Amino acid sequence: MMTIRGLVFDIQRFCVHDGPGIRTTVFLKGCSLRCFWCQNPEGISINPVIMYYPSKCINCGQCVLICPKNAHIMMNGKHEFLRNRCDSCGKCVEKCYSGALQIAGKLMSVDEVMVEVLKDRKFYEISGGGVTLSGGDPVIQYEFSKAVLRKCKAEGLHTAIETAANCSWKVLEALIPFIDIIIMDIKLIDNEKHKKVTGVSNTIILENAKKLSQTGKPLIIRTPIIPTVNDNIEAVKQIAEFIAPFPNLQYYELIPFHRLGEGKYHALGLEYAASGLKTPSQEKMAQLAEEAKKYCIKVKY
């Protein structure tokens, strides 16, 4: 029997914002959207990627000696990383004692993931928590996601996924039997603007949201509030009006933009297009929340 493996870029324990109770969140590689403000850019690519933090480098030269692609060189006694030569084999990371080089994307089996998530079973039982698959987006590696969720249910664990639902309905339909709660992002109703800021149409996303509303599974809708994108009453009003009829909607959550992921872009050699944006004020978030509440839905922010 073939062992199903998936690319995981992080497993975070004691999470309290990814579903009810205390949870372990498993972050899977791969996302079909290209939101310019993404907080987890290391999770976008389906392939492993090397992250380099120059401030941690001690110029020991071990990566230079081990790299088969000559992606690491020493210039005037200082280390330089030539990313265009790198194939993300990870050999340099194994030799980097200071942690300046890290790899985002580890191939793991379902059983290896379960070893990690089962460490905190007692906390799940006490708090009503469980396991959440996030990313990236779990629908990209849906076979692996399904296998992990199935194993979690076999162990009696509460399960959740965080998704943009930009996939075929067949994919979501296959996952639903093993999910206790669905956490879905809806960023905009305006399709043209959605394409401009995320790189994809929202047609399938909104269609899937309607279908998810008929599954009977508890559903949480989230909107990241991004300046210049959707930090206005009209954008939030459109989303609230769209989701108000959903019978399984638990609540609508507005999440303020922040720049905590900026350092990851530099570590990946990427431009951070959201560098000029500021976190929305409490007053702004409260104003948007009040607008959403007009549609008789529970709102958190």
Protein backbone atom coordinates (compact mmCIF):
# COMPACT_ATOMS: atom_id res chain seq x y z
CA MET A 1 0.00 0.00 0.00
CA MET A 2 1.45 3.35 -1.06
CA THR A 3 2.13 5.82 1.74
CA ILE A 4 0.54 9.23 1.12
CA ARG A 5 2.92 12.09 1.79
CA GLY A 6 2.45 15.82 1.74
CA LEU A 7 4.53 18.97 1.93
CA VAL A 8 4.15 20.67 5.31
CA PHE A 9 5.84 23.99 6.05
CA ASP A 10 4.87 24.37 9.70
CA ILE A 11 3.01 22.71 12.56
CA GLN A 12 1.98 25.14 15.29
CA ARG A 13 0.73 23.93 18.66
CA PHE A 14 -1.50 25.74 21.17
CA CYS A 15 -3.29 27.84 18.54
CA VAL A 16 -6.47 29.63 19.65
CA HIS A 17 -7.50 31.54 16.51
CA ASP A 18 -7.93 28.66 14.03
CA GLY A 19 -11.19 27.23 15.30
CA PRO A 20 -12.68 26.43 18.73
CA GLY A 21 -10.54 25.57 21.75
CA ILE A 22 -6.82 24.88 21.82
CA ARG A 23 -5.69 23.52 18.45
CA THR A 24 -2.72 22.29 16.49
CA THR A 25 -2.57 23.93 13.07
CA VAL A 26 -0.88 22.05 10.23
CA PHE A 27 0.24 24.36 7.43
CA LEU A 28 0.35 22.75 3.99
CA LYS A 29 2.22 24.03 0.95
CA GLY A 30 0.47 25.40 -2.12
CA CYS A 31 -2.06 28.14 -2.84
CA SER A 32 -3.89 29.11 -6.02
CA LEU A 33 -4.29 32.77 -4.99
CA ARG A 34 -1.57 35.40 -5.15
CA CYS A 35 -2.75 37.97 -2.60
CA PHE A 36 -0.10 40.69 -2.43
CA TRP A 37 -0.51 40.99 1.36
CA CYS A 38 -0.19 37.23 2.11
CA GLN A 39 1.09 36.57 5.64
CA ASN A 40 2.52 33.15 4.74
CA PRO A 41 4.37 33.67 1.43
CA GLU A 42 6.50 30.60 2.14
CA GLY A 43 3.33 28.54 1.75
CA ILE A 44 2.32 29.79 -1.71
CA SER A 45 4.57 27.59 -3.84
CA ILE A 46 3.83 23.87 -3.88
CA ASN A 47 7.59 23.24 -3.83
CA PRO A 48 10.05 23.58 -0.93
CA VAL A 49 11.77 26.99 -0.79
CA ILE A 50 14.88 28.21 1.01
CA MET A 51 14.53 31.17 3.35
CA TYR A 52 17.68 33.18 4.10
CA TYR A 53 18.04 35.55 7.07
CA PRO A 54 21.35 37.44 6.60
CA SER A 55 21.24 38.92 10.13
CA LYS A 56 21.64 35.40 11.56
CA CYS A 57 24.53 34.40 9.29
CA ILE A 58 27.91 33.88 11.02
CA ASN A 59 29.82 33.49 7.72
CA CYS A 60 31.07 30.03 8.68
CA GLY A 61 31.10 28.88 5.05
CA GLN A 62 29.61 25.44 5.72
CA CYS A 63 26.85 26.02 3.17
CA VAL A 64 29.46 26.88 0.55
CA LEU A 65 31.18 23.54 1.07
CA ILE A 66 28.02 21.43 0.95
CA CYS A 67 25.94 23.08 -1.81
CA PRO A 68 25.97 20.96 -5.02
CA LYS A 69 24.71 23.90 -7.12
CA ASN A 70 27.23 26.52 -5.93
CA ALA A 71 24.33 28.69 -4.79
CA HIS A 72 26.36 29.84 -1.77
CA ILE A 73 29.60 31.77 -2.18
CA MET A 74 31.92 33.79 0.02
CA MET A 75 32.72 37.31 -1.18
CA ASN A 76 35.29 39.27 0.83
CA GLY A 77 34.67 37.04 3.82
CA LYS A 78 30.89 37.37 3.67
CA HIS A 79 28.29 34.86 2.62
CA GLU A 80 26.11 35.51 -0.44
CA PHE A 81 23.15 33.41 -1.51
CA LEU A 82 22.60 33.10 -5.28
CA ARG A 83 18.97 32.07 -5.27
CA ASN A 84 18.79 31.57 -9.06
CA ARG A 85 21.14 28.60 -8.71
CA CYS A 86 19.27 26.97 -5.82
CA ASP A 87 17.11 23.85 -6.28
CA SER A 88 15.98 23.79 -2.61
CA CYS A 89 17.62 20.45 -1.86
CA GLY A 90 18.05 21.57 1.76
CA LYS A 91 21.60 20.31 2.26
CA CYS A 92 22.76 23.80 3.24
CA VAL A 93 20.03 24.04 5.90
CA GLU A 94 21.34 20.90 7.59
CA LYS A 95 24.76 22.55 7.95
CA CYS A 96 23.52 26.01 8.99
CA TYR A 97 24.07 26.04 12.74
CA SER A 98 22.93 29.66 13.20
CA GLY A 99 19.53 29.20 11.56
CA ALA A 100 20.22 31.76 8.83
CA LEU A 101 19.11 29.21 6.23
CA GLN A 102 15.76 27.50 6.67
CA ILE A 103 13.62 25.38 4.37
CA ALA A 104 9.87 25.86 4.05
CA GLY A 105 8.41 22.54 2.97
CA LYS A 106 9.05 19.16 4.54
CA LEU A 107 7.72 15.94 3.03
CA MET A 108 5.75 14.15 5.75
CA SER A 109 3.59 11.05 5.93
CA VAL A 110 0.17 11.08 7.56
CA ASP A 111 1.54 9.09 10.50
CA GLU A 112 4.36 11.61 11.00
CA VAL A 113 1.84 14.44 11.14
CA MET A 114 -0.31 12.47 13.58
CA VAL A 115 2.65 11.96 15.93
CA GLU A 116 2.80 15.75 16.29
CA VAL A 117 -0.92 16.49 16.60
CA LEU A 118 -1.58 13.70 19.11
CA LYS A 119 0.92 15.20 21.56
CA ASP A 120 -1.78 17.60 22.73
CA ARG A 121 -4.83 15.34 22.81
CA LYS A 122 -5.45 16.22 26.48
CA PHE A 123 -5.59 19.93 25.68
CA TYR A 124 -8.08 19.30 22.88
CA GLU A 125 -10.30 17.30 25.23
CA ILE A 126 -10.18 19.92 27.99
CA SER A 127 -10.76 22.94 25.73
CA GLY A 128 -12.98 21.50 23.00
CA GLY A 129 -10.17 22.01 20.50
CA GLY A 130 -8.62 19.87 17.82
CA VAL A 131 -6.69 20.00 14.56
CA THR A 132 -6.89 22.61 11.80
CA LEU A 133 -5.42 22.28 8.32
CA SER A 134 -4.27 25.60 6.90
CA GLY A 135 -1.64 26.83 4.49
CA GLY A 136 -1.25 27.78 1.77
CA ASP A 137 -4.57 26.11 1.18
CA PRO A 138 -5.33 22.48 2.14
CA VAL A 139 -7.38 21.97 -1.03
CA ILE A 140 -4.20 22.09 -3.15
CA GLN A 141 -2.92 18.85 -1.56
CA TYR A 142 -6.44 17.51 -1.13
CA GLU A 143 -5.55 13.79 -1.15
CA PHE A 144 -3.07 14.30 1.67
CA SER A 145 -5.50 16.62 3.47
CA LYS A 146 -8.24 14.02 3.24
CA ALA A 147 -5.92 11.32 4.59
CA VAL A 148 -4.88 13.48 7.56
CA LEU A 149 -8.47 14.51 8.32
CA ARG A 150 -9.65 10.91 8.06
CA LYS A 151 -6.97 9.79 10.53
CA CYS A 152 -7.85 12.63 12.90
CA LYS A 153 -11.50 11.55 12.90
CA ALA A 154 -10.46 7.95 13.50
CA GLU A 155 -8.63 9.23 16.60
CA GLY A 156 -11.74 11.10 17.75
CA LEU A 157 -10.28 14.56 17.12
CA HIS A 158 -12.27 17.65 16.15
CA THR A 159 -11.19 18.88 12.71
CA ALA A 160 -11.26 22.16 10.78
CA ILE A 161 -9.84 23.58 7.57
CA GLU A 162 -8.98 27.13 6.55
CA THR A 163 -9.50 27.60 2.82
CA ALA A 164 -10.21 30.08 0.05
CA ALA A 165 -12.26 27.30 -1.63
CA ASN A 166 -10.85 28.13 -5.05
CA CYS A 167 -11.15 24.57 -6.34
CA SER A 168 -13.60 22.18 -7.92
CA TRP A 169 -16.62 21.28 -5.79
CA LYS A 170 -15.61 17.62 -6.05
CA VAL A 171 -12.49 18.37 -4.00
CA LEU A 172 -14.42 20.07 -1.20
CA GLU A 173 -17.14 17.44 -1.32
CA ALA A 174 -14.54 14.71 -0.74
CA LEU A 175 -13.15 16.53 2.33
CA ILE A 176 -16.45 17.50 3.96
CA PRO A 177 -17.22 14.12 5.62
CA PHE A 178 -14.02 14.45 7.67
CA ILE A 179 -14.41 18.13 8.65
CA ASP A 180 -16.26 19.40 11.73
CA ILE A 181 -16.00 23.11 10.95
CA ILE A 182 -15.10 25.06 7.80
CA ILE A 183 -13.30 28.40 7.97
CA MET A 184 -13.47 30.17 4.61
CA ASP A 185 -12.03 33.44 3.33
CA ILE A 186 -14.11 35.78 1.20
CA LYS A 187 -12.08 38.84 0.34
CA LEU A 188 -14.30 40.66 -2.16
CA ILE A 189 -17.57 40.29 -4.04
CA ASP A 190 -16.36 42.55 -6.88
CA ASN A 191 -14.88 40.02 -9.31
CA GLU A 192 -12.71 42.44 -11.30
CA LYS A 193 -11.08 43.83 -8.19
CA HIS A 194 -10.69 40.33 -6.80
CA LYS A 195 -8.78 39.30 -9.92
CA LYS A 196 -6.61 42.39 -9.67
CA VAL A 197 -5.52 41.85 -6.05
CA THR A 198 -5.47 38.04 -5.83
CA GLY A 199 -4.71 37.03 -9.41
CA VAL A 200 -7.84 34.86 -9.75
CA SER A 201 -11.56 35.21 -10.34
CA ASN A 202 -13.86 34.74 -7.37
CA THR A 203 -16.61 33.01 -9.38
CA ILE A 204 -15.79 29.49 -8.18
CA ILE A 205 -15.10 30.77 -4.66
CA LEU A 206 -18.55 32.32 -4.30
CA GLU A 207 -20.25 29.31 -5.90
CA ASN A 208 -18.50 27.02 -3.44
CA ALA A 209 -19.48 29.27 -0.53
CA LYS A 210 -23.15 28.83 -1.47
CA LYS A 211 -22.72 25.07 -1.72
CA LEU A 212 -20.91 24.93 1.63
CA SER A 213 -23.83 26.81 3.17
CA GLN A 214 -26.05 23.83 2.33
CA THR A 215 -23.85 21.12 3.84
CA GLY A 216 -25.01 21.54 7.43
CA LYS A 217 -21.38 21.85 8.54
CA PRO A 218 -20.66 24.85 10.80
CA LEU A 219 -19.21 27.63 8.63
CA ILE A 220 -17.12 30.65 9.59
CA ILE A 221 -16.53 33.33 6.96
CA ARG A 222 -13.48 35.55 7.33
CA THR A 223 -12.43 38.71 5.55
CA PRO A 224 -8.92 40.12 5.96
CA ILE A 225 -9.38 43.89 5.97
CA ILE A 226 -6.70 45.27 3.65
CA PRO A 227 -6.20 49.02 3.09
CA THR A 228 -6.84 50.02 -0.56
CA VAL A 229 -8.58 46.66 -1.14
CA ASN A 230 -11.66 46.23 1.04
CA ASP A 231 -11.35 48.56 4.05
CA ASN A 232 -14.59 50.30 3.16
CA ILE A 233 -18.25 49.96 4.03
CA GLU A 234 -19.34 48.98 0.53
CA ALA A 235 -16.98 45.99 0.30
CA VAL A 236 -17.96 44.64 3.72
CA LYS A 237 -21.64 45.36 3.07
CA GLN A 238 -21.54 43.28 -0.12
CA ILE A 239 -19.98 40.30 1.66
CA ALA A 240 -22.34 40.52 4.64
CA GLU A 241 -25.34 40.67 2.33
CA PHE A 242 -24.04 37.64 0.39
CA ILE A 243 -23.50 35.42 3.45
CA ALA A 244 -26.49 36.55 5.54
CA PRO A 245 -28.81 33.80 4.15
CA PHE A 246 -26.36 30.98 5.00
CA PRO A 247 -28.17 28.75 7.53
CA ASN A 248 -24.97 27.23 8.92
CA LEU A 249 -23.04 30.50 9.38
CA GLN A 250 -21.54 30.59 12.87
CA TYR A 251 -20.21 34.13 12.58
CA TYR A 252 -18.49 36.56 10.25
CA GLU A 253 -14.96 37.59 11.27
CA LEU A 254 -13.09 40.70 10.17
CA ILE A 255 -9.31 40.39 10.52
CA PRO A 256 -7.15 43.55 10.40
CA PHE A 257 -4.16 43.59 8.08
CA HIS A 258 -0.74 43.54 9.74
CA ARG A 259 2.85 43.47 8.49
CA LEU A 260 4.20 40.68 10.70
CA GLY A 261 5.02 38.56 7.64
CA GLU A 262 7.19 41.20 5.97
CA GLY A 263 10.47 39.59 7.04
CA LYS A 264 9.47 36.37 5.27
CA TYR A 265 9.37 38.15 1.91
CA HIS A 266 12.92 39.41 2.38
CA ALA A 267 14.00 35.90 3.42
CA LEU A 268 12.48 34.54 0.21
CA GLY A 269 14.07 37.23 -1.97
CA LEU A 270 10.63 38.64 -2.81
CA GLU A 271 9.29 42.16 -2.97
CA TYR A 272 6.74 42.99 -0.27
CA ALA A 273 4.05 44.87 -2.15
CA ALA A 274 2.11 45.70 1.03
CA SER A 275 5.00 47.57 2.67
CA GLY A 276 3.21 50.92 2.40
CA LEU A 277 0.01 49.76 4.11
CA LYS A 278 -0.91 50.36 7.74
CA THR A 279 -2.98 48.29 10.13
CA PRO A 280 -6.61 49.50 10.20
CA SER A 281 -7.53 51.36 13.39
CA GLN A 282 -9.86 49.93 16.01
CA GLU A 283 -12.33 52.64 15.06
CA LYS A 284 -12.25 51.53 11.41
CA MET A 285 -12.72 47.86 12.33
CA ALA A 286 -15.62 48.72 14.64
CA GLN A 287 -17.25 50.79 11.92
CA LEU A 288 -17.02 47.92 9.41
CA ALA A 289 -18.29 45.43 11.99
CA GLU A 290 -21.33 47.60 12.72
CA GLU A 291 -22.14 47.69 9.01
CA ALA A 292 -21.99 43.88 8.80
CA LYS A 293 -24.23 43.52 11.86
CA LYS A 294 -27.01 45.30 10.01
CA TYR A 295 -27.55 42.03 8.15
CA CYS A 296 -28.47 40.23 11.37
CA ILE A 297 -25.32 38.12 11.51
CA LYS A 298 -22.92 37.61 14.37
CA VAL A 299 -19.71 39.54 13.74
CA LYS A 300 -16.28 39.29 15.36
CA TYR A 301 -13.25 41.48 14.84
